[in-house]
Amino acid sequence: MTDWTWLWVPATLMAAAAQTVRNAMQRELTGPLGTVGAAQIRFLYGLPFAFLFWLLLFGLEGGHFPQATPGFFGQLFIASTTQIAATVLMLATMQRKGFALSTVYIKTEPVMVALFGVLLLGETLAPWAVAAVLIATAGVMVMSWRTGNAWSETWAPALLGISAGALFAWSSVSYRAAILALSSGGFLLKASTALTAGLLLQCLLILVWLLGFKRAVLLAILRSWRASIKAGFMGALASQCWFIGFALTSATYVRTLGLVEVLFAQWIAIRWMRQRPRPAEYVGLALVLLGLVLLSSGFLA
């Protein structure tokens, strides 16, 4: 049989690129829609694309549903709800801080993914992988450090961003656990099944909340379909690639390599949003790159 494990690397790189674009699109929609409304975009408008991809894979594998163990549904619920909360916190952070710096706060996630992976899945990491995670995360922290600002300008957004990262970490590990709880089917179909089921649950939960408390926001989401459908497609593409990575290897490796998103975010911030990086951010970027090189070299050794 062909070993497809290596596929997690290009899948993760594509996921990081697509997610950077989607986050920028969502950030532009937080003004007219609010954070919850903009968060719903990735779920509501991403679901049709995820379902189409699942149908394609379902047909290619002969029309056989993956068999789910009891743990699948519990892990899927945890992953779906924590991802909703993380997305809302992420967009709230982006409203307070610049796009690139907000991404930096949230990308403290790999260390927390490693901890959750050990605690919840019993995963172990090689010493070089631990070093890569710590170096890359140190780079993230260097990039985020600022002096002379008030609490509301520095630590409050940092706590929001780091809290979003922790919830994203929990969600990532739970999604991997849900994929592993599918006992049949190829890795692509398993990843797509978990993604589509998760998006369906998330759409239902947020729609119920919007119908009950924010009907005006729901109408605004529907009216903004031209801009939102683009963000939905990029979100579905990013999620599908993340889930392929989770199906093939530890979420820690996937999320650490996913720190390349920080580089993509800096490029978008400079070229698209006209935000200029500080000298410390260049030092942080160098550390992030060093961590990613170490992670990559460990797999190639």
C-alpha atoms as a PDB file:
ATOM      1  CA  MET A   1       0.000   0.000   0.000  1.00  0.00           C
ATOM      2  CA  THR A   2       1.125   3.573  -0.714  1.00  0.00           C
ATOM      3  CA  ASP A   3       2.189   5.574   2.338  1.00  0.00           C
ATOM      4  CA  TRP A   4       0.330   8.880   2.151  1.00  0.00           C
ATOM      5  CA  THR A   5       1.551  10.208   5.518  1.00  0.00           C
ATOM      6  CA  TRP A   6       3.762  12.821   3.837  1.00  0.00           C
ATOM      7  CA  LEU A   7       0.644  14.460   2.395  1.00  0.00           C
ATOM      8  CA  TRP A   8       0.043  16.245   5.699  1.00  0.00           C
ATOM      9  CA  VAL A   9       2.807  18.746   4.812  1.00  0.00           C
ATOM     10  CA  PRO A  10       1.351  20.191   1.562  1.00  0.00           C
ATOM     11  CA  ALA A  11      -2.149  19.911   3.045  1.00  0.00           C
ATOM     12  CA  THR A  12      -1.094  22.013   6.044  1.00  0.00           C
ATOM     13  CA  LEU A  13       0.618  24.634   3.894  1.00  0.00           C
ATOM     14  CA  MET A  14      -2.481  24.963   1.731  1.00  0.00           C
ATOM     15  CA  ALA A  15      -4.672  25.137   4.835  1.00  0.00           C
ATOM     16  CA  ALA A  16      -2.582  27.951   6.316  1.00  0.00           C
ATOM     17  CA  ALA A  17      -2.695  29.971   3.086  1.00  0.00           C
ATOM     18  CA  ALA A  18      -6.451  29.538   2.629  1.00  0.00           C
ATOM     19  CA  GLN A  19      -7.136  30.306   6.291  1.00  0.00           C
ATOM     20  CA  THR A  20      -5.125  33.532   6.137  1.00  0.00           C
ATOM     21  CA  VAL A  21      -7.226  34.743   3.213  1.00  0.00           C
ATOM     22  CA  ARG A  22     -10.458  33.662   4.930  1.00  0.00           C
ATOM     23  CA  ASN A  23      -9.534  35.430   8.180  1.00  0.00           C
ATOM     24  CA  ALA A  24      -8.854  38.644   6.270  1.00  0.00           C
ATOM     25  CA  MET A  25     -12.230  38.351   4.543  1.00  0.00           C
ATOM     26  CA  GLN A  26     -14.004  37.702   7.847  1.00  0.00           C
ATOM     27  CA  ARG A  27     -12.269  40.651   9.477  1.00  0.00           C
ATOM     28  CA  GLU A  28     -13.697  42.958   6.817  1.00  0.00           C
ATOM     29  CA  LEU A  29     -17.204  41.671   7.627  1.00  0.00           C
ATOM     30  CA  THR A  30     -17.060  42.199  11.418  1.00  0.00           C
ATOM     31  CA  GLY A  31     -18.163  45.829  11.011  1.00  0.00           C
ATOM     32  CA  PRO A  32     -21.510  45.231   9.298  1.00  0.00           C
ATOM     33  CA  LEU A  33     -22.194  41.804  10.821  1.00  0.00           C
ATOM     34  CA  GLY A  34     -20.524  41.830  14.263  1.00  0.00           C
ATOM     35  CA  THR A  35     -18.192  39.118  15.552  1.00  0.00           C
ATOM     36  CA  VAL A  36     -20.828  36.375  15.863  1.00  0.00           C
ATOM     37  CA  GLY A  37     -22.263  37.180  12.441  1.00  0.00           C
ATOM     38  CA  ALA A  38     -18.829  37.151  10.813  1.00  0.00           C
ATOM     39  CA  ALA A  39     -18.016  33.900  12.637  1.00  0.00           C
ATOM     40  CA  GLN A  40     -21.145  32.290  11.195  1.00  0.00           C
ATOM     41  CA  ILE A  41     -19.942  33.037   7.664  1.00  0.00           C
ATOM     42  CA  ARG A  42     -17.262  30.331   7.761  1.00  0.00           C
ATOM     43  CA  PHE A  43     -19.785  27.727   8.909  1.00  0.00           C
ATOM     44  CA  LEU A  44     -22.962  28.604   7.007  1.00  0.00           C
ATOM     45  CA  TYR A  45     -21.334  29.415   3.677  1.00  0.00           C
ATOM     46  CA  GLY A  46     -18.622  26.779   4.060  1.00  0.00           C
ATOM     47  CA  LEU A  47     -21.039  23.874   4.594  1.00  0.00           C
ATOM     48  CA  PRO A  48     -22.236  23.558   0.946  1.00  0.00           C
ATOM     49  CA  PHE A  49     -18.648  23.342  -0.335  1.00  0.00           C
ATOM     50  CA  ALA A  50     -17.675  20.810   2.337  1.00  0.00           C
ATOM     51  CA  PHE A  51     -20.739  18.713   1.513  1.00  0.00           C
ATOM     52  CA  LEU A  52     -19.939  18.712  -2.216  1.00  0.00           C
ATOM     53  CA  PHE A  53     -16.405  17.496  -1.517  1.00  0.00           C
ATOM     54  CA  TRP A  54     -17.760  14.816   0.818  1.00  0.00           C
ATOM     55  CA  LEU A  55     -20.185  13.638  -1.895  1.00  0.00           C
ATOM     56  CA  LEU A  56     -17.301  13.335  -4.355  1.00  0.00           C
ATOM     57  CA  LEU A  57     -15.215  11.250  -1.954  1.00  0.00           C
ATOM     58  CA  PHE A  58     -18.249   9.204  -0.919  1.00  0.00           C
ATOM     59  CA  GLY A  59     -18.818   8.260  -4.552  1.00  0.00           C
ATOM     60  CA  LEU A  60     -15.155   7.483  -5.179  1.00  0.00           C
ATOM     61  CA  GLU A  61     -15.103   5.082  -2.227  1.00  0.00           C
ATOM     62  CA  GLY A  62     -18.115   3.158  -3.518  1.00  0.00           C
ATOM     63  CA  GLY A  63     -20.874   4.777  -1.485  1.00  0.00           C
ATOM     64  CA  HIS A  64     -19.833   3.316   1.875  1.00  0.00           C
ATOM     65  CA  PHE A  65     -20.391   5.400   5.014  1.00  0.00           C
ATOM     66  CA  PRO A  66     -17.495   5.421   7.504  1.00  0.00           C
ATOM     67  CA  GLN A  67     -18.387   3.447  10.630  1.00  0.00           C
ATOM     68  CA  ALA A  68     -18.469   5.689  13.704  1.00  0.00           C
ATOM     69  CA  THR A  69     -17.612   4.471  17.199  1.00  0.00           C
ATOM     70  CA  PRO A  70     -19.484   6.021  20.186  1.00  0.00           C
ATOM     71  CA  GLY A  71     -16.611   8.422  20.872  1.00  0.00           C
ATOM     72  CA  PHE A  72     -17.018  10.093  17.498  1.00  0.00           C
ATOM     73  CA  PHE A  73     -20.137  12.076  18.389  1.00  0.00           C
ATOM     74  CA  GLY A  74     -18.856  13.270  21.765  1.00  0.00           C
ATOM     75  CA  GLN A  75     -15.546  14.459  20.334  1.00  0.00           C
ATOM     76  CA  LEU A  76     -17.333  16.085  17.404  1.00  0.00           C
ATOM     77  CA  PHE A  77     -19.592  18.076  19.738  1.00  0.00           C
ATOM     78  CA  ILE A  78     -16.641  19.282  21.837  1.00  0.00           C
ATOM     79  CA  ALA A  79     -14.626  20.206  18.758  1.00  0.00           C
ATOM     80  CA  SER A  80     -17.508  22.045  17.086  1.00  0.00           C
ATOM     81  CA  THR A  81     -18.513  24.155  20.087  1.00  0.00           C
ATOM     82  CA  THR A  82     -14.964  25.099  21.082  1.00  0.00           C
ATOM     83  CA  GLN A  83     -14.238  26.142  17.488  1.00  0.00           C
ATOM     84  CA  ILE A  84     -17.261  28.456  17.465  1.00  0.00           C
ATOM     85  CA  ALA A  85     -16.118  30.123  20.688  1.00  0.00           C
ATOM     86  CA  ALA A  86     -12.540  30.367  19.402  1.00  0.00           C
ATOM     87  CA  THR A  87     -13.656  32.018  16.161  1.00  0.00           C
ATOM     88  CA  VAL A  88     -15.709  34.653  18.024  1.00  0.00           C
ATOM     89  CA  LEU A  89     -12.740  35.446  20.302  1.00  0.00           C
ATOM     90  CA  MET A  90     -10.402  35.586  17.286  1.00  0.00           C
ATOM     91  CA  LEU A  91     -12.559  38.155  15.499  1.00  0.00           C
ATOM     92  CA  ALA A  92     -12.951  40.179  18.708  1.00  0.00           C
ATOM     93  CA  THR A  93      -9.144  40.268  18.930  1.00  0.00           C
ATOM     94  CA  MET A  94      -8.879  41.436  15.322  1.00  0.00           C
ATOM     95  CA  GLN A  95     -11.262  44.310  16.081  1.00  0.00           C
ATOM     96  CA  ARG A  96      -8.938  45.497  18.872  1.00  0.00           C
ATOM     97  CA  LYS A  97      -5.596  44.873  17.144  1.00  0.00           C
ATOM     98  CA  GLY A  98      -4.124  44.756  13.664  1.00  0.00           C
ATOM     99  CA  PHE A  99      -4.683  41.680  11.521  1.00  0.00           C
ATOM    100  CA  ALA A 100      -1.092  40.390  11.654  1.00  0.00           C
ATOM    101  CA  LEU A 101      -0.655  40.921  15.413  1.00  0.00           C
ATOM    102  CA  SER A 102      -3.990  39.252  16.158  1.00  0.00           C
ATOM    103  CA  THR A 103      -2.856  36.219  14.168  1.00  0.00           C
ATOM    104  CA  VAL A 104       0.323  36.161  16.264  1.00  0.00           C
ATOM    105  CA  TYR A 105      -1.606  36.039  19.553  1.00  0.00           C
ATOM    106  CA  ILE A 106      -3.761  33.184  18.339  1.00  0.00           C
ATOM    107  CA  LYS A 107      -0.743  31.224  17.091  1.00  0.00           C
ATOM    108  CA  THR A 108       0.359  30.424  20.631  1.00  0.00           C
ATOM    109  CA  GLU A 109      -1.862  27.443  19.844  1.00  0.00           C
ATOM    110  CA  PRO A 110       0.818  24.758  19.067  1.00  0.00           C
ATOM    111  CA  VAL A 111       2.099  24.523  22.654  1.00  0.00           C
ATOM    112  CA  MET A 112      -1.462  24.056  23.884  1.00  0.00           C
ATOM    113  CA  VAL A 113      -2.170  21.522  21.123  1.00  0.00           C
ATOM    114  CA  ALA A 114       0.852  19.538  22.319  1.00  0.00           C
ATOM    115  CA  LEU A 115      -0.417  19.598  25.915  1.00  0.00           C
ATOM    116  CA  PHE A 116      -3.956  18.597  24.946  1.00  0.00           C
ATOM    117  CA  GLY A 117      -2.588  15.878  22.665  1.00  0.00           C
ATOM    118  CA  VAL A 118      -0.615  14.362  25.524  1.00  0.00           C
ATOM    119  CA  LEU A 119      -3.462  14.683  28.037  1.00  0.00           C
ATOM    120  CA  LEU A 120      -6.392  13.642  25.830  1.00  0.00           C
ATOM    121  CA  LEU A 121      -4.875  11.297  23.231  1.00  0.00           C
ATOM    122  CA  GLY A 122      -1.756  10.040  25.009  1.00  0.00           C
ATOM    123  CA  GLU A 123       0.478  11.230  22.159  1.00  0.00           C
ATOM    124  CA  THR A 124       4.240  11.517  22.614  1.00  0.00           C
ATOM    125  CA  LEU A 125       6.556  13.965  20.852  1.00  0.00           C
ATOM    126  CA  ALA A 126      10.176  13.527  19.800  1.00  0.00           C
ATOM    127  CA  PRO A 127      12.672  15.947  21.448  1.00  0.00           C
ATOM    128  CA  TRP A 128      13.242  17.786  18.155  1.00  0.00           C
ATOM    129  CA  ALA A 129       9.483  18.285  17.804  1.00  0.00           C
ATOM    130  CA  VAL A 130       9.228  19.754  21.319  1.00  0.00           C
ATOM    131  CA  ALA A 131      12.121  22.105  20.526  1.00  0.00           C
ATOM    132  CA  ALA A 132      10.483  23.157  17.250  1.00  0.00           C
ATOM    133  CA  VAL A 133       7.179  23.937  18.990  1.00  0.00           C
ATOM    134  CA  LEU A 134       8.878  25.988  21.726  1.00  0.00           C
ATOM    135  CA  ILE A 135      11.152  27.947  19.360  1.00  0.00           C
ATOM    136  CA  ALA A 136       8.346  28.779  16.945  1.00  0.00           C
ATOM    137  CA  THR A 137       6.035  29.804  19.794  1.00  0.00           C
ATOM    138  CA  ALA A 138       8.802  31.939  21.313  1.00  0.00           C
ATOM    139  CA  GLY A 139       8.970  33.726  17.982  1.00  0.00           C
ATOM    140  CA  VAL A 140       5.247  34.342  18.175  1.00  0.00           C
ATOM    141  CA  MET A 141       5.597  35.839  21.647  1.00  0.00           C
ATOM    142  CA  VAL A 142       8.485  38.093  20.583  1.00  0.00           C
ATOM    143  CA  MET A 143       6.363  39.394  17.735  1.00  0.00           C
ATOM    144  CA  SER A 144       3.475  40.151  20.092  1.00  0.00           C
ATOM    145  CA  TRP A 145       5.456  41.950  22.809  1.00  0.00           C
ATOM    146  CA  ARG A 146       4.862  45.683  23.118  1.00  0.00           C
ATOM    147  CA  THR A 147       5.818  48.149  25.835  1.00  0.00           C
ATOM    148  CA  GLY A 148       4.265  51.370  27.019  1.00  0.00           C
ATOM    149  CA  ASN A 149       0.671  50.543  26.159  1.00  0.00           C
ATOM    150  CA  ALA A 150      -2.334  50.496  28.440  1.00  0.00           C
ATOM    151  CA  TRP A 151      -3.964  47.246  29.562  1.00  0.00           C
ATOM    152  CA  SER A 152      -6.822  47.684  27.133  1.00  0.00           C
ATOM    153  CA  GLU A 153      -4.311  48.097  24.285  1.00  0.00           C
ATOM    154  CA  THR A 154      -1.951  45.196  25.071  1.00  0.00           C
ATOM    155  CA  TRP A 155      -2.931  42.592  27.655  1.00  0.00           C
ATOM    156  CA  ALA A 156      -6.676  42.530  27.056  1.00  0.00           C
ATOM    157  CA  PRO A 157      -6.276  41.726  23.339  1.00  0.00           C
ATOM    158  CA  ALA A 158      -3.469  39.304  24.211  1.00  0.00           C
ATOM    159  CA  LEU A 159      -5.726  37.408  26.631  1.00  0.00           C
ATOM    160  CA  LEU A 160      -8.502  37.316  24.058  1.00  0.00           C
ATOM    161  CA  GLY A 161      -6.117  36.026  21.391  1.00  0.00           C
ATOM    162  CA  ILE A 162      -4.420  33.463  23.618  1.00  0.00           C
ATOM    163  CA  SER A 163      -7.830  32.251  24.847  1.00  0.00           C
ATOM    164  CA  ALA A 164      -8.858  31.837  21.204  1.00  0.00           C
ATOM    165  CA  GLY A 165      -5.665  29.869  20.611  1.00  0.00           C
ATOM    166  CA  ALA A 166      -6.400  27.575  23.567  1.00  0.00           C
ATOM    167  CA  LEU A 167      -9.896  26.850  22.287  1.00  0.00           C
ATOM    168  CA  PHE A 168      -8.605  26.281  18.753  1.00  0.00           C
ATOM    169  CA  ALA A 169      -6.070  23.856  20.251  1.00  0.00           C
ATOM    170  CA  TRP A 170      -8.743  21.920  22.119  1.00  0.00           C
ATOM    171  CA  SER A 171     -10.861  21.875  18.989  1.00  0.00           C
ATOM    172  CA  SER A 172      -7.979  20.571  16.839  1.00  0.00           C
ATOM    173  CA  VAL A 173      -7.208  17.690  19.190  1.00  0.00           C
ATOM    174  CA  SER A 174     -10.898  16.802  19.519  1.00  0.00           C
ATOM    175  CA  TYR A 175     -11.351  16.817  15.740  1.00  0.00           C
ATOM    176  CA  ARG A 176      -8.380  14.465  15.384  1.00  0.00           C
ATOM    177  CA  ALA A 177      -9.926  12.230  18.049  1.00  0.00           C
ATOM    178  CA  ALA A 178     -13.220  12.273  16.118  1.00  0.00           C
ATOM    179  CA  ILE A 179     -11.456  11.300  12.883  1.00  0.00           C
ATOM    180  CA  LEU A 180      -9.648   8.460  14.657  1.00  0.00           C
ATOM    181  CA  ALA A 181     -13.010   7.291  16.037  1.00  0.00           C
ATOM    182  CA  LEU A 182     -14.152   6.508  12.476  1.00  0.00           C
ATOM    183  CA  SER A 183     -13.239   2.867  12.049  1.00  0.00           C
ATOM    184  CA  SER A 184     -13.609   2.504   8.283  1.00  0.00           C
ATOM    185  CA  GLY A 185     -12.987   4.438   5.084  1.00  0.00           C
ATOM    186  CA  GLY A 186      -9.933   6.113   3.594  1.00  0.00           C
ATOM    187  CA  PHE A 187      -8.261   9.046   5.316  1.00  0.00           C
ATOM    188  CA  LEU A 188      -9.743  11.564   2.863  1.00  0.00           C
ATOM    189  CA  LEU A 189     -13.300  10.349   3.433  1.00  0.00           C
ATOM    190  CA  LYS A 190     -12.783  10.222   7.205  1.00  0.00           C
ATOM    191  CA  ALA A 191     -11.472  13.812   7.225  1.00  0.00           C
ATOM    192  CA  SER A 192     -14.323  15.022   5.024  1.00  0.00           C
ATOM    193  CA  THR A 193     -16.953  13.181   7.086  1.00  0.00           C
ATOM    194  CA  ALA A 194     -15.769  14.768  10.336  1.00  0.00           C
ATOM    195  CA  LEU A 195     -15.591  18.193   8.696  1.00  0.00           C
ATOM    196  CA  THR A 196     -19.047  18.047   7.126  1.00  0.00           C
ATOM    197  CA  ALA A 197     -20.688  16.704  10.286  1.00  0.00           C
ATOM    198  CA  GLY A 198     -18.962  19.345  12.379  1.00  0.00           C
ATOM    199  CA  LEU A 199     -20.003  22.187  10.071  1.00  0.00           C
ATOM    200  CA  LEU A 200     -23.597  20.943  10.041  1.00  0.00           C
ATOM    201  CA  LEU A 201     -23.724  20.923  13.844  1.00  0.00           C
ATOM    202  CA  GLN A 202     -22.108  24.363  14.044  1.00  0.00           C
ATOM    203  CA  CYS A 203     -24.570  25.852  11.553  1.00  0.00           C
ATOM    204  CA  LEU A 204     -27.518  24.475  13.497  1.00  0.00           C
ATOM    205  CA  LEU A 205     -26.238  25.784  16.830  1.00  0.00           C
ATOM    206  CA  ILE A 206     -25.513  29.288  15.577  1.00  0.00           C
ATOM    207  CA  LEU A 207     -28.713  29.488  13.537  1.00  0.00           C
ATOM    208  CA  VAL A 208     -30.765  28.636  16.621  1.00  0.00           C
ATOM    209  CA  TRP A 209     -28.938  31.338  18.586  1.00  0.00           C
ATOM    210  CA  LEU A 210     -29.349  33.938  15.828  1.00  0.00           C
ATOM    211  CA  LEU A 211     -33.051  33.148  15.381  1.00  0.00           C
ATOM    212  CA  GLY A 212     -33.587  33.480  19.102  1.00  0.00           C
ATOM    213  CA  PHE A 213     -31.513  36.579  19.834  1.00  0.00           C
ATOM    214  CA  LYS A 214     -30.053  38.184  16.677  1.00  0.00           C
ATOM    215  CA  ARG A 215     -32.508  37.923  13.809  1.00  0.00           C
ATOM    216  CA  ALA A 216     -31.276  41.189  12.320  1.00  0.00           C
ATOM    217  CA  VAL A 217     -27.759  39.755  12.143  1.00  0.00           C
ATOM    218  CA  LEU A 218     -29.074  36.632  10.396  1.00  0.00           C
ATOM    219  CA  LEU A 219     -30.803  38.789   7.778  1.00  0.00           C
ATOM    220  CA  ALA A 220     -27.592  40.779   7.307  1.00  0.00           C
ATOM    221  CA  ILE A 221     -25.654  37.519   6.801  1.00  0.00           C
ATOM    222  CA  LEU A 222     -28.094  36.419   4.117  1.00  0.00           C
ATOM    223  CA  ARG A 223     -27.948  39.816   2.396  1.00  0.00           C
ATOM    224  CA  SER A 224     -24.133  39.747   2.323  1.00  0.00           C
ATOM    225  CA  TRP A 225     -23.994  36.453   0.449  1.00  0.00           C
ATOM    226  CA  ARG A 226     -21.834  37.786  -2.404  1.00  0.00           C
ATOM    227  CA  ALA A 227     -18.930  38.638  -0.095  1.00  0.00           C
ATOM    228  CA  SER A 228     -19.644  35.839   2.350  1.00  0.00           C
ATOM    229  CA  ILE A 229     -19.644  32.992  -0.144  1.00  0.00           C
ATOM    230  CA  LYS A 230     -16.013  33.728  -0.982  1.00  0.00           C
ATOM    231  CA  ALA A 231     -15.038  33.546   2.687  1.00  0.00           C
ATOM    232  CA  GLY A 232     -17.130  30.375   3.019  1.00  0.00           C
ATOM    233  CA  PHE A 233     -15.292  28.704   0.148  1.00  0.00           C
ATOM    234  CA  MET A 234     -11.868  29.645   1.532  1.00  0.00           C
ATOM    235  CA  GLY A 235     -12.962  28.455   4.972  1.00  0.00           C
ATOM    236  CA  ALA A 236     -14.128  25.099   3.629  1.00  0.00           C
ATOM    237  CA  LEU A 237     -10.895  24.683   1.659  1.00  0.00           C
ATOM    238  CA  ALA A 238      -8.772  25.531   4.706  1.00  0.00           C
ATOM    239  CA  SER A 239     -10.749  23.220   6.989  1.00  0.00           C
ATOM    240  CA  GLN A 240     -10.631  20.325   4.531  1.00  0.00           C
ATOM    241  CA  CYS A 241      -6.850  20.625   4.341  1.00  0.00           C
ATOM    242  CA  TRP A 242      -6.478  20.921   8.147  1.00  0.00           C
ATOM    243  CA  PHE A 243      -8.586  17.791   8.581  1.00  0.00           C
ATOM    244  CA  ILE A 244      -6.505  15.869   6.046  1.00  0.00           C
ATOM    245  CA  GLY A 245      -3.482  16.752   8.163  1.00  0.00           C
ATOM    246  CA  PHE A 246      -5.241  15.640  11.367  1.00  0.00           C
ATOM    247  CA  ALA A 247      -6.155  12.331   9.726  1.00  0.00           C
ATOM    248  CA  LEU A 248      -2.511  11.613   8.883  1.00  0.00           C
ATOM    249  CA  THR A 249      -0.439  12.795  11.841  1.00  0.00           C
ATOM    250  CA  SER A 250      -0.454  14.460  15.261  1.00  0.00           C
ATOM    251  CA  ALA A 251      -2.354  17.741  15.509  1.00  0.00           C
ATOM    252  CA  THR A 252       0.772  19.198  17.156  1.00  0.00           C
ATOM    253  CA  TYR A 253       2.829  18.747  14.002  1.00  0.00           C
ATOM    254  CA  VAL A 254       0.044  20.107  11.830  1.00  0.00           C
ATOM    255  CA  ARG A 255      -0.557  23.202  13.953  1.00  0.00           C
ATOM    256  CA  THR A 256       3.168  23.913  14.376  1.00  0.00           C
ATOM    257  CA  LEU A 257       3.796  23.835  10.634  1.00  0.00           C
ATOM    258  CA  GLY A 258       0.611  25.893  10.355  1.00  0.00           C
ATOM    259  CA  LEU A 259       2.512  28.760  12.003  1.00  0.00           C
ATOM    260  CA  VAL A 260       3.597  29.583   8.468  1.00  0.00           C
ATOM    261  CA  GLU A 261       0.248  31.409   8.523  1.00  0.00           C
ATOM    262  CA  VAL A 262       2.018  34.127  10.536  1.00  0.00           C
ATOM    263  CA  LEU A 263       4.256  34.775   7.520  1.00  0.00           C
ATOM    264  CA  PHE A 264       1.258  34.842   5.191  1.00  0.00           C
ATOM    265  CA  ALA A 265      -0.552  37.231   7.554  1.00  0.00           C
ATOM    266  CA  GLN A 266       2.426  39.587   7.601  1.00  0.00           C
ATOM    267  CA  TRP A 267       2.473  39.648   3.816  1.00  0.00           C
ATOM    268  CA  ILE A 268      -1.253  40.443   3.644  1.00  0.00           C
ATOM    269  CA  ALA A 269      -0.911  43.089   6.379  1.00  0.00           C
ATOM    270  CA  ILE A 270       1.862  44.833   4.449  1.00  0.00           C
ATOM    271  CA  ARG A 271       0.584  44.513   0.887  1.00  0.00           C
ATOM    272  CA  TRP A 272      -3.194  44.630   1.402  1.00  0.00           C
ATOM    273  CA  MET A 273      -3.867  46.426   4.704  1.00  0.00           C
ATOM    274  CA  ARG A 274      -0.835  48.760   4.652  1.00  0.00           C
ATOM    275  CA  GLN A 275       0.227  47.783   8.191  1.00  0.00           C
ATOM    276  CA  ARG A 276       3.968  48.128   8.813  1.00  0.00           C
ATOM    277  CA  PRO A 277       5.847  45.564  10.988  1.00  0.00           C
ATOM    278  CA  ARG A 278       8.079  46.628  13.889  1.00  0.00           C
ATOM    279  CA  PRO A 279      11.756  45.536  14.229  1.00  0.00           C
ATOM    280  CA  ALA A 280      10.832  43.017  16.953  1.00  0.00           C
ATOM    281  CA  GLU A 281       8.438  41.351  14.557  1.00  0.00           C
ATOM    282  CA  TYR A 282      11.324  40.546  12.216  1.00  0.00           C
ATOM    283  CA  VAL A 283      13.170  38.852  15.103  1.00  0.00           C
ATOM    284  CA  GLY A 284      10.041  36.887  15.916  1.00  0.00           C
ATOM    285  CA  LEU A 285       9.592  35.870  12.298  1.00  0.00           C
ATOM    286  CA  ALA A 286      13.177  34.551  12.251  1.00  0.00           C
ATOM    287  CA  LEU A 287      12.436  32.378  15.305  1.00  0.00           C
ATOM    288  CA  VAL A 288       9.220  31.105  13.760  1.00  0.00           C
ATOM    289  CA  LEU A 289      11.128  30.176  10.609  1.00  0.00           C
ATOM    290  CA  LEU A 290      13.815  28.435  12.684  1.00  0.00           C
ATOM    291  CA  GLY A 291      11.151  26.370  14.454  1.00  0.00           C
ATOM    292  CA  LEU A 292       9.527  25.417  11.164  1.00  0.00           C
ATOM    293  CA  VAL A 293      12.876  24.430   9.650  1.00  0.00           C
ATOM    294  CA  LEU A 294      13.628  22.287  12.705  1.00  0.00           C
ATOM    295  CA  LEU A 295      10.212  20.647  12.455  1.00  0.00           C
ATOM    296  CA  SER A 296      10.708  19.922   8.766  1.00  0.00           C
ATOM    297  CA  SER A 297      14.270  18.639   9.176  1.00  0.00           C
ATOM    298  CA  GLY A 298      13.125  16.252  11.906  1.00  0.00           C
ATOM    299  CA  PHE A 299      10.740  14.565   9.467  1.00  0.00           C
ATOM    300  CA  LEU A 300      13.304  14.463   6.684  1.00  0.00           C
ATOM    301  CA  ALA A 301      16.048  12.972   8.916  1.00  0.00           C
END
